[in-house]
Amino acid sequence: MPDCSENYENEILDGRNFRSVKCKFCDSVILSPSSATFTSFEFQLPLIRQSKLNESNPETETVSLFWSVNDMFEFQNVGFSCSVGNNKYLACADCEAGPIGYHDLTNKKSYVALSRVQHS
């Protein structure tokens, strides 16, 4: 189960997202209820806000709680970056805030970080 300090346990019902997943910046719906599965593992995701001085080597943070999406057509409103290694980063398609997660080109799954979105 997720870290209780973030109160994500209220967002999970039968291993899936209980409520809509929305952009933290513009409130656009990214995922409908029950369209993603909760999963936990560590991944280095670039920070949303980066220093212009560090463009060639972006700062990252370790993120470990994700919504796993098996089919890219489950998304209501998400954009995909160009490929970076075996991944494409995900961003809100309306306001372009991101990355909110990533798409793994090897297994064709997308992962949305719970800490990068809101639920309502």
N, C-alpha and C. Protein backbone atom coordinates (compact mmCIF):
# COMPACT_ATOMS: atom_id res chain seq x y z
N MET A 1 0.84 -1.20 0.00
CA MET A 1 0.00 0.00 0.00
C MET A 1 0.88 1.25 0.00
N PRO A 2 0.36 2.37 -0.49
CA PRO A 2 1.13 3.61 -0.54
C PRO A 2 1.43 4.17 0.84
N ASP A 3 2.37 5.10 0.88
CA ASP A 3 2.75 5.80 2.10
C ASP A 3 1.54 6.57 2.62
N CYS A 4 1.15 6.30 3.85
CA CYS A 4 -0.06 6.91 4.43
C CYS A 4 0.05 8.42 4.58
N SER A 5 1.28 8.97 4.65
CA SER A 5 1.44 10.41 4.82
C SER A 5 0.91 11.17 3.60
N GLU A 6 0.87 10.53 2.44
CA GLU A 6 0.36 11.18 1.24
C GLU A 6 -1.13 10.93 1.04
N ASN A 7 -1.72 10.03 1.83
CA ASN A 7 -3.14 9.74 1.79
C ASN A 7 -3.60 9.15 0.45
N TYR A 8 -2.70 8.45 -0.24
CA TYR A 8 -3.06 7.83 -1.51
C TYR A 8 -3.90 6.58 -1.34
N GLU A 9 -3.91 5.99 -0.14
CA GLU A 9 -4.70 4.77 0.05
C GLU A 9 -6.18 5.00 -0.22
N ASN A 10 -6.65 6.23 -0.07
CA ASN A 10 -8.06 6.55 -0.35
C ASN A 10 -8.34 6.62 -1.85
N GLU A 11 -7.30 6.63 -2.67
CA GLU A 11 -7.46 6.73 -4.12
C GLU A 11 -7.51 5.36 -4.79
N ILE A 12 -7.27 4.29 -4.02
CA ILE A 12 -7.17 2.94 -4.58
C ILE A 12 -8.35 2.09 -4.12
N LEU A 13 -9.06 1.50 -5.08
CA LEU A 13 -10.16 0.60 -4.79
C LEU A 13 -9.98 -0.64 -5.67
N ASP A 14 -9.82 -1.79 -5.03
CA ASP A 14 -9.57 -3.04 -5.75
C ASP A 14 -8.37 -2.94 -6.69
N GLY A 15 -7.35 -2.20 -6.25
CA GLY A 15 -6.10 -2.08 -7.01
C GLY A 15 -6.15 -1.10 -8.17
N ARG A 16 -7.26 -0.36 -8.31
CA ARG A 16 -7.42 0.57 -9.43
C ARG A 16 -7.70 1.98 -8.91
N ASN A 17 -7.60 2.97 -9.80
CA ASN A 17 -7.88 4.35 -9.39
C ASN A 17 -9.37 4.53 -9.13
N PHE A 18 -9.69 4.93 -7.93
CA PHE A 18 -11.07 5.10 -7.48
C PHE A 18 -11.73 6.31 -8.12
N ARG A 19 -10.95 7.40 -8.25
CA ARG A 19 -11.48 8.65 -8.79
C ARG A 19 -10.73 9.04 -10.07
N SER A 20 -11.18 10.11 -10.70
CA SER A 20 -10.48 10.64 -11.87
C SER A 20 -9.09 11.12 -11.49
N VAL A 21 -8.16 10.96 -12.40
CA VAL A 21 -6.80 11.47 -12.24
C VAL A 21 -6.72 12.72 -13.09
N LYS A 22 -6.32 13.85 -12.45
CA LYS A 22 -6.31 15.15 -13.12
C LYS A 22 -4.95 15.83 -13.03
N CYS A 23 -4.72 16.75 -13.95
CA CYS A 23 -3.51 17.58 -13.93
C CYS A 23 -3.54 18.48 -12.70
N LYS A 24 -2.40 18.62 -12.02
CA LYS A 24 -2.31 19.49 -10.85
C LYS A 24 -2.34 20.97 -11.22
N PHE A 25 -2.04 21.28 -12.47
CA PHE A 25 -1.89 22.67 -12.87
C PHE A 25 -3.12 23.25 -13.56
N CYS A 26 -3.83 22.44 -14.36
CA CYS A 26 -4.97 23.00 -15.11
C CYS A 26 -6.27 22.23 -14.89
N ASP A 27 -6.26 21.17 -14.10
CA ASP A 27 -7.46 20.41 -13.75
C ASP A 27 -8.02 19.54 -14.88
N SER A 28 -7.30 19.37 -15.98
CA SER A 28 -7.76 18.51 -17.06
C SER A 28 -7.75 17.05 -16.62
N VAL A 29 -8.76 16.29 -17.05
CA VAL A 29 -8.83 14.87 -16.71
C VAL A 29 -7.82 14.10 -17.56
N ILE A 30 -6.97 13.32 -16.88
CA ILE A 30 -5.96 12.52 -17.55
C ILE A 30 -6.43 11.07 -17.67
N LEU A 31 -7.04 10.55 -16.59
CA LEU A 31 -7.55 9.19 -16.58
C LEU A 31 -8.92 9.15 -15.92
N SER A 32 -9.82 8.38 -16.47
CA SER A 32 -11.14 8.17 -15.88
C SER A 32 -11.02 7.17 -14.72
N PRO A 33 -11.99 7.15 -13.81
CA PRO A 33 -11.96 6.17 -12.72
C PRO A 33 -11.86 4.73 -13.24
N SER A 34 -11.12 3.91 -12.52
CA SER A 34 -10.93 2.47 -12.81
C SER A 34 -10.22 2.17 -14.12
N SER A 35 -9.48 3.13 -14.65
CA SER A 35 -8.79 2.89 -15.93
C SER A 35 -7.31 2.55 -15.76
N ALA A 36 -6.80 2.58 -14.52
CA ALA A 36 -5.39 2.29 -14.28
C ALA A 36 -5.23 1.43 -13.03
N THR A 37 -4.12 0.73 -12.96
CA THR A 37 -3.82 -0.17 -11.84
C THR A 37 -2.68 0.41 -11.01
N PHE A 38 -2.81 0.31 -9.69
CA PHE A 38 -1.75 0.79 -8.80
C PHE A 38 -0.54 -0.15 -8.85
N THR A 39 0.65 0.44 -8.91
CA THR A 39 1.88 -0.33 -8.85
C THR A 39 2.95 0.48 -8.14
N SER A 40 3.93 -0.21 -7.59
CA SER A 40 4.98 0.46 -6.82
C SER A 40 6.35 -0.10 -7.21
N PHE A 41 7.22 0.79 -7.64
CA PHE A 41 8.63 0.49 -7.94
C PHE A 41 9.33 1.83 -8.05
N GLU A 42 10.66 1.83 -8.05
CA GLU A 42 11.40 3.09 -8.10
C GLU A 42 11.82 3.43 -9.52
N PHE A 43 11.67 4.72 -9.86
CA PHE A 43 12.06 5.22 -11.19
C PHE A 43 12.56 6.65 -11.03
N GLN A 44 13.60 7.01 -11.75
CA GLN A 44 14.13 8.38 -11.73
C GLN A 44 13.39 9.21 -12.77
N LEU A 45 12.52 10.09 -12.31
CA LEU A 45 11.72 10.93 -13.19
C LEU A 45 12.25 12.36 -13.14
N PRO A 46 12.47 13.01 -14.29
CA PRO A 46 12.94 14.40 -14.28
C PRO A 46 11.97 15.30 -13.52
N LEU A 47 12.51 16.30 -12.83
CA LEU A 47 11.67 17.27 -12.12
C LEU A 47 10.82 18.05 -13.11
N ILE A 48 9.65 18.49 -12.67
CA ILE A 48 8.78 19.29 -13.52
C ILE A 48 9.42 20.65 -13.80
N ARG A 49 9.99 21.25 -12.78
CA ARG A 49 10.65 22.55 -12.95
C ARG A 49 12.16 22.33 -12.96
N GLN A 50 12.80 22.74 -14.05
CA GLN A 50 14.23 22.54 -14.24
C GLN A 50 14.93 23.90 -14.32
N SER A 51 16.19 23.91 -13.92
CA SER A 51 17.03 25.09 -14.07
C SER A 51 17.49 25.19 -15.52
N LYS A 52 17.44 26.38 -16.10
CA LYS A 52 17.90 26.59 -17.48
C LYS A 52 19.40 26.31 -17.62
N LEU A 53 20.13 26.40 -16.51
CA LEU A 53 21.57 26.18 -16.53
C LEU A 53 21.93 24.71 -16.68
N ASN A 54 20.97 23.83 -16.48
CA ASN A 54 21.23 22.40 -16.42
C ASN A 54 20.45 21.62 -17.49
N GLU A 55 20.26 22.20 -18.69
CA GLU A 55 19.42 21.58 -19.71
C GLU A 55 19.98 20.25 -20.22
N SER A 56 21.29 20.10 -20.29
CA SER A 56 21.87 18.87 -20.84
C SER A 56 21.87 17.73 -19.83
N ASN A 57 21.71 18.05 -18.55
CA ASN A 57 21.70 17.03 -17.50
C ASN A 57 20.57 17.35 -16.52
N PRO A 58 19.32 17.01 -16.87
CA PRO A 58 18.18 17.40 -16.02
C PRO A 58 18.22 16.76 -14.63
N GLU A 59 17.72 17.53 -13.67
CA GLU A 59 17.61 17.02 -12.31
C GLU A 59 16.46 16.02 -12.25
N THR A 60 16.63 14.97 -11.43
CA THR A 60 15.59 13.95 -11.30
C THR A 60 15.24 13.74 -9.84
N GLU A 61 14.14 13.04 -9.62
CA GLU A 61 13.76 12.59 -8.28
C GLU A 61 13.30 11.15 -8.39
N THR A 62 13.46 10.41 -7.31
CA THR A 62 13.00 9.03 -7.28
C THR A 62 11.52 9.01 -6.96
N VAL A 63 10.74 8.42 -7.85
CA VAL A 63 9.30 8.30 -7.69
C VAL A 63 8.99 6.81 -7.59
N SER A 64 8.07 6.44 -6.68
CA SER A 64 7.85 5.00 -6.49
C SER A 64 6.38 4.56 -6.54
N LEU A 65 5.44 5.48 -6.63
CA LEU A 65 4.02 5.11 -6.66
C LEU A 65 3.43 5.55 -8.00
N PHE A 66 2.86 4.59 -8.73
CA PHE A 66 2.39 4.88 -10.08
C PHE A 66 1.01 4.28 -10.36
N TRP A 67 0.31 4.92 -11.31
CA TRP A 67 -0.84 4.30 -11.96
C TRP A 67 -0.29 3.67 -13.23
N SER A 68 -0.49 2.38 -13.41
CA SER A 68 -0.04 1.66 -14.60
C SER A 68 -1.19 1.60 -15.60
N VAL A 69 -0.90 2.00 -16.84
CA VAL A 69 -1.91 2.04 -17.89
C VAL A 69 -1.44 1.12 -19.02
N ASN A 70 -2.20 0.08 -19.28
CA ASN A 70 -1.81 -0.91 -20.29
C ASN A 70 -2.02 -0.46 -21.73
N ASP A 71 -3.00 0.41 -21.95
CA ASP A 71 -3.35 0.84 -23.30
C ASP A 71 -3.33 2.36 -23.36
N MET A 72 -2.52 2.91 -24.25
CA MET A 72 -2.41 4.37 -24.35
C MET A 72 -3.74 5.05 -24.68
N PHE A 73 -4.70 4.31 -25.22
CA PHE A 73 -6.00 4.88 -25.55
C PHE A 73 -6.91 5.03 -24.32
N GLU A 74 -6.45 4.58 -23.15
CA GLU A 74 -7.18 4.79 -21.89
C GLU A 74 -7.07 6.25 -21.44
N PHE A 75 -6.03 6.94 -21.89
CA PHE A 75 -5.84 8.33 -21.48
C PHE A 75 -6.90 9.23 -22.08
N GLN A 76 -7.36 10.20 -21.27
CA GLN A 76 -8.30 11.21 -21.74
C GLN A 76 -7.56 12.41 -22.32
N ASN A 77 -6.39 12.72 -21.72
CA ASN A 77 -5.73 13.97 -22.06
C ASN A 77 -4.26 13.90 -21.67
N VAL A 78 -3.42 13.33 -22.53
CA VAL A 78 -2.01 13.23 -22.21
C VAL A 78 -1.19 13.35 -23.50
N GLY A 79 -0.02 13.94 -23.37
CA GLY A 79 0.90 14.05 -24.49
C GLY A 79 2.13 13.21 -24.24
N PHE A 80 2.77 12.75 -25.32
CA PHE A 80 3.97 11.92 -25.25
C PHE A 80 5.14 12.69 -25.84
N SER A 81 6.30 12.65 -25.17
CA SER A 81 7.49 13.31 -25.67
C SER A 81 8.14 12.45 -26.75
N CYS A 82 9.19 12.98 -27.36
CA CYS A 82 10.03 12.16 -28.24
C CYS A 82 10.71 11.11 -27.37
N SER A 83 11.20 10.06 -27.99
CA SER A 83 11.85 8.98 -27.24
C SER A 83 13.14 9.47 -26.59
N VAL A 84 13.31 9.04 -25.33
CA VAL A 84 14.54 9.28 -24.58
C VAL A 84 14.97 7.91 -24.09
N GLY A 85 15.93 7.31 -24.78
CA GLY A 85 16.29 5.93 -24.47
C GLY A 85 15.13 5.02 -24.81
N ASN A 86 14.69 4.22 -23.84
CA ASN A 86 13.55 3.31 -24.03
C ASN A 86 12.24 3.88 -23.50
N ASN A 87 12.19 5.20 -23.27
CA ASN A 87 11.01 5.83 -22.67
C ASN A 87 10.55 7.04 -23.46
N LYS A 88 9.29 7.37 -23.25
CA LYS A 88 8.72 8.65 -23.67
C LYS A 88 8.10 9.24 -22.42
N TYR A 89 8.32 10.51 -22.17
CA TYR A 89 7.74 11.14 -20.98
C TYR A 89 6.32 11.61 -21.27
N LEU A 90 5.47 11.58 -20.23
CA LEU A 90 4.07 11.97 -20.34
C LEU A 90 3.88 13.38 -19.78
N ALA A 91 3.01 14.15 -20.43
CA ALA A 91 2.68 15.50 -19.97
C ALA A 91 1.20 15.74 -20.19
N CYS A 92 0.65 16.70 -19.48
CA CYS A 92 -0.74 17.11 -19.70
C CYS A 92 -0.82 17.68 -21.12
N ALA A 93 -1.79 17.24 -21.89
CA ALA A 93 -1.93 17.71 -23.27
C ALA A 93 -2.48 19.14 -23.33
N ASP A 94 -3.16 19.60 -22.29
CA ASP A 94 -3.71 20.96 -22.31
C ASP A 94 -2.69 22.02 -21.93
N CYS A 95 -2.02 21.84 -20.80
CA CYS A 95 -1.09 22.89 -20.33
C CYS A 95 0.38 22.50 -20.51
N GLU A 96 0.63 21.27 -20.95
CA GLU A 96 1.98 20.75 -21.21
C GLU A 96 2.85 20.62 -19.96
N ALA A 97 2.24 20.61 -18.78
CA ALA A 97 3.00 20.40 -17.54
C ALA A 97 3.47 18.95 -17.50
N GLY A 98 4.69 18.77 -17.09
CA GLY A 98 5.21 17.41 -16.99
C GLY A 98 6.72 17.41 -16.85
N PRO A 99 7.28 16.25 -16.73
CA PRO A 99 6.63 14.97 -16.93
C PRO A 99 5.81 14.53 -15.71
N ILE A 100 4.66 13.94 -16.02
CA ILE A 100 3.81 13.38 -14.96
C ILE A 100 4.01 11.88 -14.87
N GLY A 101 4.81 11.35 -15.76
CA GLY A 101 5.09 9.92 -15.79
C GLY A 101 5.85 9.59 -17.06
N TYR A 102 5.82 8.32 -17.45
CA TYR A 102 6.54 7.92 -18.64
C TYR A 102 5.87 6.71 -19.30
N HIS A 103 6.20 6.52 -20.57
CA HIS A 103 5.74 5.36 -21.35
C HIS A 103 6.97 4.51 -21.63
N ASP A 104 6.92 3.25 -21.25
CA ASP A 104 8.03 2.31 -21.46
C ASP A 104 7.86 1.68 -22.84
N LEU A 105 8.81 1.94 -23.73
CA LEU A 105 8.72 1.43 -25.09
C LEU A 105 8.94 -0.08 -25.18
N THR A 106 9.58 -0.67 -24.17
CA THR A 106 9.85 -2.11 -24.22
C THR A 106 8.61 -2.93 -23.87
N ASN A 107 7.83 -2.51 -22.86
CA ASN A 107 6.64 -3.28 -22.48
C ASN A 107 5.34 -2.60 -22.91
N LYS A 108 5.45 -1.41 -23.54
CA LYS A 108 4.29 -0.67 -24.07
C LYS A 108 3.30 -0.22 -23.00
N LYS A 109 3.75 -0.12 -21.74
CA LYS A 109 2.89 0.37 -20.65
C LYS A 109 3.28 1.79 -20.30
N SER A 110 2.30 2.53 -19.79
CA SER A 110 2.53 3.89 -19.31
C SER A 110 2.38 3.92 -17.81
N TYR A 111 3.13 4.80 -17.16
CA TYR A 111 3.12 4.91 -15.71
C TYR A 111 2.97 6.38 -15.33
N VAL A 112 1.90 6.69 -14.60
CA VAL A 112 1.63 8.06 -14.14
C VAL A 112 1.95 8.12 -12.66
N ALA A 113 2.86 9.01 -12.27
CA ALA A 113 3.27 9.15 -10.87
C ALA A 113 2.15 9.77 -10.05
N LEU A 114 1.75 9.10 -8.97
CA LEU A 114 0.68 9.61 -8.12
C LEU A 114 1.02 10.99 -7.56
N SER A 115 2.30 11.23 -7.29
CA SER A 115 2.72 12.52 -6.71
C SER A 115 2.68 13.67 -7.70
N ARG A 116 2.53 13.37 -8.99
CA ARG A 116 2.54 14.41 -10.01
C ARG A 116 1.15 14.79 -10.52
N VAL A 117 0.11 14.17 -9.96
CA VAL A 117 -1.27 14.44 -10.39
C VAL A 117 -2.15 14.64 -9.16
N GLN A 118 -3.39 15.03 -9.39
CA GLN A 118 -4.37 15.12 -8.31
C GLN A 118 -5.54 14.20 -8.63
N HIS A 119 -6.35 13.93 -7.62
CA HIS A 119 -7.47 12.99 -7.78
C HIS A 119 -8.76 13.66 -7.32
N SER A 120 -9.78 13.57 -8.13
CA SER A 120 -11.09 14.13 -7.73
C SER A 120 -12.20 13.56 -8.57
